[in-house]
Amino acid sequence: MAQVTVSPKYQLVIPREVRESLGIRPGEKVQVFQYENRIEYVPVRKIKRMRGFLKGMNADLKRDAGRL
């Protein structure tokens, strides 16, 4: 697991292996969320680039009785 250090300007560097695995390029936008007691970064993708990203996902979900 990669670890980063917050700079005096509160900046972070995304580790190379994470950037490469997610395909993050310079100039791309990343949304920042606070979830419970942690910070999450989510790359902002154009909708055309997202096409097919759920391919192969198992859609056999148990649904609540009122949500059929």
PDB file of N, CA and C in Angstrom:
ATOM      1  N   MET A   1       0.850  -1.172   0.000  1.00  0.00           N
ATOM      2  CA  MET A   1       0.000   0.000   0.000  1.00  0.00           C
ATOM      3  C   MET A   1       0.896   1.237   0.000  1.00  0.00           C
ATOM      4  N   ALA A   2       0.593   2.148  -0.900  1.00  0.00           N
ATOM      5  CA  ALA A   2       1.390   3.367  -1.022  1.00  0.00           C
ATOM      6  C   ALA A   2       1.027   4.355   0.084  1.00  0.00           C
ATOM      7  N   GLN A   3       2.001   5.150   0.434  1.00  0.00           N
ATOM      8  CA  GLN A   3       1.807   6.174   1.464  1.00  0.00           C
ATOM      9  C   GLN A   3       2.315   7.496   0.909  1.00  0.00           C
ATOM     10  N   VAL A   4       1.607   8.581   1.181  1.00  0.00           N
ATOM     11  CA  VAL A   4       2.004   9.907   0.711  1.00  0.00           C
ATOM     12  C   VAL A   4       2.124  10.846   1.896  1.00  0.00           C
ATOM     13  N   THR A   5       2.810  11.973   1.662  1.00  0.00           N
ATOM     14  CA  THR A   5       3.007  12.985   2.687  1.00  0.00           C
ATOM     15  C   THR A   5       2.360  14.282   2.227  1.00  0.00           C
ATOM     16  N   VAL A   6       1.674  14.948   3.111  1.00  0.00           N
ATOM     17  CA  VAL A   6       1.061  16.240   2.802  1.00  0.00           C
ATOM     18  C   VAL A   6       2.150  17.306   2.850  1.00  0.00           C
ATOM     19  N   SER A   7       2.258  18.089   1.761  1.00  0.00           N
ATOM     20  CA  SER A   7       3.275  19.139   1.702  1.00  0.00           C
ATOM     21  C   SER A   7       2.847  20.332   2.553  1.00  0.00           C
ATOM     22  N   PRO A   8       3.753  21.292   2.770  1.00  0.00           N
ATOM     23  CA  PRO A   8       3.381  22.499   3.524  1.00  0.00           C
ATOM     24  C   PRO A   8       2.238  23.282   2.869  1.00  0.00           C
ATOM     25  N   LYS A   9       2.028  23.079   1.555  1.00  0.00           N
ATOM     26  CA  LYS A   9       0.924  23.729   0.845  1.00  0.00           C
ATOM     27  C   LYS A   9      -0.308  22.818   0.792  1.00  0.00           C
ATOM     28  N   TYR A  10      -0.321  21.745   1.585  1.00  0.00           N
ATOM     29  CA  TYR A  10      -1.418  20.779   1.644  1.00  0.00           C
ATOM     30  C   TYR A  10      -1.622  20.055   0.313  1.00  0.00           C
ATOM     31  N   GLN A  11      -0.543  19.788  -0.407  1.00  0.00           N
ATOM     32  CA  GLN A  11      -0.619  19.079  -1.671  1.00  0.00           C
ATOM     33  C   GLN A  11      -0.187  17.627  -1.470  1.00  0.00           C
ATOM     34  N   LEU A  12      -0.720  16.748  -2.327  1.00  0.00           N
ATOM     35  CA  LEU A  12      -0.377  15.335  -2.312  1.00  0.00           C
ATOM     36  C   LEU A  12       0.074  14.917  -3.700  1.00  0.00           C
ATOM     37  N   VAL A  13       0.966  13.946  -3.779  1.00  0.00           N
ATOM     38  CA  VAL A  13       1.376  13.367  -5.052  1.00  0.00           C
ATOM     39  C   VAL A  13       0.764  11.976  -5.123  1.00  0.00           C
ATOM     40  N   ILE A  14       0.018  11.711  -6.200  1.00  0.00           N
ATOM     41  CA  ILE A  14      -0.568  10.386  -6.384  1.00  0.00           C
ATOM     42  C   ILE A  14       0.558   9.460  -6.834  1.00  0.00           C
ATOM     43  N   PRO A  15       0.800   8.367  -6.132  1.00  0.00           N
ATOM     44  CA  PRO A  15       1.891   7.464  -6.495  1.00  0.00           C
ATOM     45  C   PRO A  15       1.775   6.941  -7.931  1.00  0.00           C
ATOM     46  N   ARG A  16       2.904   6.727  -8.563  1.00  0.00           N
ATOM     47  CA  ARG A  16       2.957   6.325  -9.972  1.00  0.00           C
ATOM     48  C   ARG A  16       2.107   5.093 -10.254  1.00  0.00           C
ATOM     49  N   GLU A  17       2.236   4.053  -9.413  1.00  0.00           N
ATOM     50  CA  GLU A  17       1.483   2.825  -9.691  1.00  0.00           C
ATOM     51  C   GLU A  17      -0.026   3.054  -9.659  1.00  0.00           C
ATOM     52  N   VAL A  18      -0.491   3.960  -8.816  1.00  0.00           N
ATOM     53  CA  VAL A  18      -1.922   4.284  -8.755  1.00  0.00           C
ATOM     54  C   VAL A  18      -2.328   5.082  -9.986  1.00  0.00           C
ATOM     55  N   ARG A  19      -1.529   6.083 -10.350  1.00  0.00           N
ATOM     56  CA  ARG A  19      -1.818   6.886 -11.554  1.00  0.00           C
ATOM     57  C   ARG A  19      -1.894   6.007 -12.790  1.00  0.00           C
ATOM     58  N   GLU A  20      -0.925   5.119 -12.940  1.00  0.00           N
ATOM     59  CA  GLU A  20      -0.877   4.274 -14.131  1.00  0.00           C
ATOM     60  C   GLU A  20      -2.035   3.276 -14.161  1.00  0.00           C
ATOM     61  N   SER A  21      -2.358   2.678 -13.025  1.00  0.00           N
ATOM     62  CA  SER A  21      -3.438   1.688 -13.018  1.00  0.00           C
ATOM     63  C   SER A  21      -4.795   2.326 -13.288  1.00  0.00           C
ATOM     64  N   LEU A  22      -4.985   3.585 -12.892  1.00  0.00           N
ATOM     65  CA  LEU A  22      -6.249   4.285 -13.133  1.00  0.00           C
ATOM     66  C   LEU A  22      -6.233   5.131 -14.402  1.00  0.00           C
ATOM     67  N   GLY A  23      -5.082   5.236 -15.044  1.00  0.00           N
ATOM     68  CA  GLY A  23      -4.989   6.018 -16.276  1.00  0.00           C
ATOM     69  C   GLY A  23      -5.132   7.509 -16.046  1.00  0.00           C
ATOM     70  N   ILE A  24      -4.662   8.000 -14.918  1.00  0.00           N
ATOM     71  CA  ILE A  24      -4.765   9.428 -14.610  1.00  0.00           C
ATOM     72  C   ILE A  24      -3.626  10.172 -15.312  1.00  0.00           C
ATOM     73  N   ARG A  25      -3.967  11.219 -16.012  1.00  0.00           N
ATOM     74  CA  ARG A  25      -3.001  12.030 -16.764  1.00  0.00           C
ATOM     75  C   ARG A  25      -2.941  13.440 -16.194  1.00  0.00           C
ATOM     76  N   PRO A  26      -1.851  14.165 -16.426  1.00  0.00           N
ATOM     77  CA  PRO A  26      -1.757  15.553 -15.960  1.00  0.00           C
ATOM     78  C   PRO A  26      -2.903  16.400 -16.511  1.00  0.00           C
ATOM     79  N   GLY A  27      -3.478  17.223 -15.677  1.00  0.00           N
ATOM     80  CA  GLY A  27      -4.564  18.107 -16.085  1.00  0.00           C
ATOM     81  C   GLY A  27      -5.953  17.517 -15.873  1.00  0.00           C
ATOM     82  N   GLU A  28      -6.044  16.219 -15.584  1.00  0.00           N
ATOM     83  CA  GLU A  28      -7.352  15.616 -15.341  1.00  0.00           C
ATOM     84  C   GLU A  28      -7.888  16.058 -13.990  1.00  0.00           C
ATOM     85  N   LYS A  29      -9.195  16.063 -13.871  1.00  0.00           N
ATOM     86  CA  LYS A  29      -9.833  16.464 -12.621  1.00  0.00           C
ATOM     87  C   LYS A  29     -10.133  15.233 -11.770  1.00  0.00           C
ATOM     88  N   VAL A  30     -10.073  15.427 -10.459  1.00  0.00           N
ATOM     89  CA  VAL A  30     -10.361  14.380  -9.489  1.00  0.00           C
ATOM     90  C   VAL A  30     -11.284  14.974  -8.440  1.00  0.00           C
ATOM     91  N   GLN A  31     -12.405  14.294  -8.172  1.00  0.00           N
ATOM     92  CA  GLN A  31     -13.308  14.761  -7.128  1.00  0.00           C
ATOM     93  C   GLN A  31     -12.820  14.241  -5.782  1.00  0.00           C
ATOM     94  N   VAL A  32     -13.001  15.053  -4.749  1.00  0.00           N
ATOM     95  CA  VAL A  32     -12.568  14.698  -3.401  1.00  0.00           C
ATOM     96  C   VAL A  32     -13.795  14.608  -2.511  1.00  0.00           C
ATOM     97  N   PHE A  33     -13.899  13.506  -1.788  1.00  0.00           N
ATOM     98  CA  PHE A  33     -15.020  13.276  -0.882  1.00  0.00           C
ATOM     99  C   PHE A  33     -14.500  12.952   0.504  1.00  0.00           C
ATOM    100  N   GLN A  34     -15.222  13.406   1.496  1.00  0.00           N
ATOM    101  CA  GLN A  34     -14.972  12.947   2.856  1.00  0.00           C
ATOM    102  C   GLN A  34     -16.052  11.917   3.146  1.00  0.00           C
ATOM    103  N   TYR A  35     -15.640  10.703   3.443  1.00  0.00           N
ATOM    104  CA  TYR A  35     -16.571   9.625   3.756  1.00  0.00           C
ATOM    105  C   TYR A  35     -16.198   9.070   5.114  1.00  0.00           C
ATOM    106  N   GLU A  36     -17.115   9.241   6.060  1.00  0.00           N
ATOM    107  CA  GLU A  36     -16.870   8.868   7.441  1.00  0.00           C
ATOM    108  C   GLU A  36     -15.559   9.507   7.915  1.00  0.00           C
ATOM    109  N   ASN A  37     -14.543   8.702   8.177  1.00  0.00           N
ATOM    110  CA  ASN A  37     -13.300   9.246   8.731  1.00  0.00           C
ATOM    111  C   ASN A  37     -12.143   9.136   7.740  1.00  0.00           C
ATOM    112  N   ARG A  38     -12.453   9.247   6.442  1.00  0.00           N
ATOM    113  CA  ARG A  38     -11.394   9.124   5.437  1.00  0.00           C
ATOM    114  C   ARG A  38     -11.645  10.059   4.265  1.00  0.00           C
ATOM    115  N   ILE A  39     -10.629  10.224   3.431  1.00  0.00           N
ATOM    116  CA  ILE A  39     -10.707  11.053   2.229  1.00  0.00           C
ATOM    117  C   ILE A  39     -10.667  10.119   1.030  1.00  0.00           C
ATOM    118  N   GLU A  40     -11.553  10.324   0.057  1.00  0.00           N
ATOM    119  CA  GLU A  40     -11.575   9.512  -1.148  1.00  0.00           C
ATOM    120  C   GLU A  40     -11.421  10.416  -2.366  1.00  0.00           C
ATOM    121  N   TYR A  41     -10.620   9.968  -3.327  1.00  0.00           N
ATOM    122  CA  TYR A  41     -10.397  10.681  -4.580  1.00  0.00           C
ATOM    123  C   TYR A  41     -10.966   9.840  -5.712  1.00  0.00           C
ATOM    124  N   VAL A  42     -11.810  10.456  -6.543  1.00  0.00           N
ATOM    125  CA  VAL A  42     -12.434   9.741  -7.650  1.00  0.00           C
ATOM    126  C   VAL A  42     -12.148  10.513  -8.937  1.00  0.00           C
ATOM    127  N   PRO A  43     -11.475   9.873  -9.902  1.00  0.00           N
ATOM    128  CA  PRO A  43     -11.212  10.566 -11.172  1.00  0.00           C
ATOM    129  C   PRO A  43     -12.519  10.916 -11.878  1.00  0.00           C
ATOM    130  N   VAL A  44     -12.591  12.118 -12.430  1.00  0.00           N
ATOM    131  CA  VAL A  44     -13.753  12.554 -13.193  1.00  0.00           C
ATOM    132  C   VAL A  44     -13.538  12.073 -14.625  1.00  0.00           C
ATOM    133  N   ARG A  45     -14.477  11.300 -15.124  1.00  0.00           N
ATOM    134  CA  ARG A  45     -14.371  10.737 -16.469  1.00  0.00           C
ATOM    135  C   ARG A  45     -15.508  11.254 -17.339  1.00  0.00           C
ATOM    136  N   LYS A  46     -15.224  11.440 -18.628  1.00  0.00           N
ATOM    137  CA  LYS A  46     -16.279  11.795 -19.571  1.00  0.00           C
ATOM    138  C   LYS A  46     -17.168  10.575 -19.744  1.00  0.00           C
ATOM    139  N   ILE A  47     -18.450  10.809 -19.971  1.00  0.00           N
ATOM    140  CA  ILE A  47     -19.415   9.718 -20.053  1.00  0.00           C
ATOM    141  C   ILE A  47     -19.066   8.758 -21.187  1.00  0.00           C
ATOM    142  N   LYS A  48     -18.518   9.251 -22.291  1.00  0.00           N
ATOM    143  CA  LYS A  48     -18.139   8.368 -23.398  1.00  0.00           C
ATOM    144  C   LYS A  48     -17.022   7.415 -22.984  1.00  0.00           C
ATOM    145  N   ARG A  49     -16.130   7.872 -22.149  1.00  0.00           N
ATOM    146  CA  ARG A  49     -15.019   7.028 -21.699  1.00  0.00           C
ATOM    147  C   ARG A  49     -15.502   5.943 -20.725  1.00  0.00           C
ATOM    148  N   MET A  50     -16.646   6.180 -20.071  1.00  0.00           N
ATOM    149  CA  MET A  50     -17.172   5.240 -19.091  1.00  0.00           C
ATOM    150  C   MET A  50     -17.943   4.091 -19.727  1.00  0.00           C
ATOM    151  N   ARG A  51     -18.226   4.169 -21.007  1.00  0.00           N
ATOM    152  CA  ARG A  51     -19.014   3.136 -21.677  1.00  0.00           C
ATOM    153  C   ARG A  51     -18.377   1.756 -21.492  1.00  0.00           C
ATOM    154  N   GLY A  52     -19.181   0.833 -20.982  1.00  0.00           N
ATOM    155  CA  GLY A  52     -18.738  -0.546 -20.829  1.00  0.00           C
ATOM    156  C   GLY A  52     -17.929  -0.835 -19.577  1.00  0.00           C
ATOM    157  N   PHE A  53     -17.757   0.120 -18.662  1.00  0.00           N
ATOM    158  CA  PHE A  53     -16.911  -0.130 -17.502  1.00  0.00           C
ATOM    159  C   PHE A  53     -17.531  -1.115 -16.520  1.00  0.00           C
ATOM    160  N   LEU A  54     -18.826  -1.379 -16.642  1.00  0.00           N
ATOM    161  CA  LEU A  54     -19.478  -2.365 -15.775  1.00  0.00           C
ATOM    162  C   LEU A  54     -19.668  -3.712 -16.472  1.00  0.00           C
ATOM    163  N   LYS A  55     -19.082  -3.883 -17.639  1.00  0.00           N
ATOM    164  CA  LYS A  55     -19.214  -5.122 -18.399  1.00  0.00           C
ATOM    165  C   LYS A  55     -18.743  -6.304 -17.550  1.00  0.00           C
ATOM    166  N   GLY A  56     -19.561  -7.341 -17.512  1.00  0.00           N
ATOM    167  CA  GLY A  56     -19.212  -8.526 -16.751  1.00  0.00           C
ATOM    168  C   GLY A  56     -19.631  -8.485 -15.302  1.00  0.00           C
ATOM    169  N   MET A  57     -20.252  -7.382 -14.882  1.00  0.00           N
ATOM    170  CA  MET A  57     -20.687  -7.267 -13.487  1.00  0.00           C
ATOM    171  C   MET A  57     -21.850  -8.217 -13.221  1.00  0.00           C
ATOM    172  N   ASN A  58     -21.853  -8.863 -12.094  1.00  0.00           N
ATOM    173  CA  ASN A  58     -22.932  -9.765 -11.719  1.00  0.00           C
ATOM    174  C   ASN A  58     -24.151  -8.945 -11.329  1.00  0.00           C
ATOM    175  N   ALA A  59     -25.249  -9.117 -12.067  1.00  0.00           N
ATOM    176  CA  ALA A  59     -26.460  -8.335 -11.815  1.00  0.00           C
ATOM    177  C   ALA A  59     -27.485  -9.121 -11.012  1.00  0.00           C
ATOM    178  N   ASP A  60     -27.109 -10.277 -10.491  1.00  0.00           N
ATOM    179  CA  ASP A  60     -28.019 -11.083  -9.678  1.00  0.00           C
ATOM    180  C   ASP A  60     -28.000 -10.574  -8.243  1.00  0.00           C
ATOM    181  N   LEU A  61     -28.828  -9.574  -7.982  1.00  0.00           N
ATOM    182  CA  LEU A  61     -28.884  -8.963  -6.661  1.00  0.00           C
ATOM    183  C   LEU A  61     -30.179  -9.330  -5.979  1.00  0.00           C
ATOM    184  N   LYS A  62     -30.128  -9.508  -4.675  1.00  0.00           N
ATOM    185  CA  LYS A  62     -31.357  -9.675  -3.906  1.00  0.00           C
ATOM    186  C   LYS A  62     -31.891  -8.288  -3.597  1.00  0.00           C
ATOM    187  N   ARG A  63     -33.120  -8.048  -3.976  1.00  0.00           N
ATOM    188  CA  ARG A  63     -33.718  -6.735  -3.781  1.00  0.00           C
ATOM    189  C   ARG A  63     -34.702  -6.766  -2.630  1.00  0.00           C
ATOM    190  N   ASP A  64     -34.878  -5.624  -2.012  1.00  0.00           N
ATOM    191  CA  ASP A  64     -35.881  -5.492  -0.960  1.00  0.00           C
ATOM    192  C   ASP A  64     -37.262  -5.711  -1.567  1.00  0.00           C
ATOM    193  N   ALA A  65     -38.187  -6.233  -0.795  1.00  0.00           N
ATOM    194  CA  ALA A  65     -39.532  -6.549  -1.286  1.00  0.00           C
ATOM    195  C   ALA A  65     -40.221  -5.331  -1.898  1.00  0.00           C
ATOM    196  N   GLY A  66     -40.033  -4.174  -1.335  1.00  0.00           N
ATOM    197  CA  GLY A  66     -40.676  -2.961  -1.841  1.00  0.00           C
ATOM    198  C   GLY A  66     -39.949  -2.314  -3.006  1.00  0.00           C
ATOM    199  N   ARG A  67     -38.860  -2.911  -3.470  1.00  0.00           N
ATOM    200  CA  ARG A  67     -38.059  -2.299  -4.527  1.00  0.00           C
ATOM    201  C   ARG A  67     -38.029  -3.139  -5.795  1.00  0.00           C
ATOM    202  N   LEU A  68     -39.082  -3.919  -6.056  1.00  0.00           N
ATOM    203  CA  LEU A  68     -39.113  -4.797  -7.223  1.00  0.00           C
ATOM    204  C   LEU A  68     -39.554  -4.090  -8.441  1.00  0.00           C
TER     205      LEU A  68
END
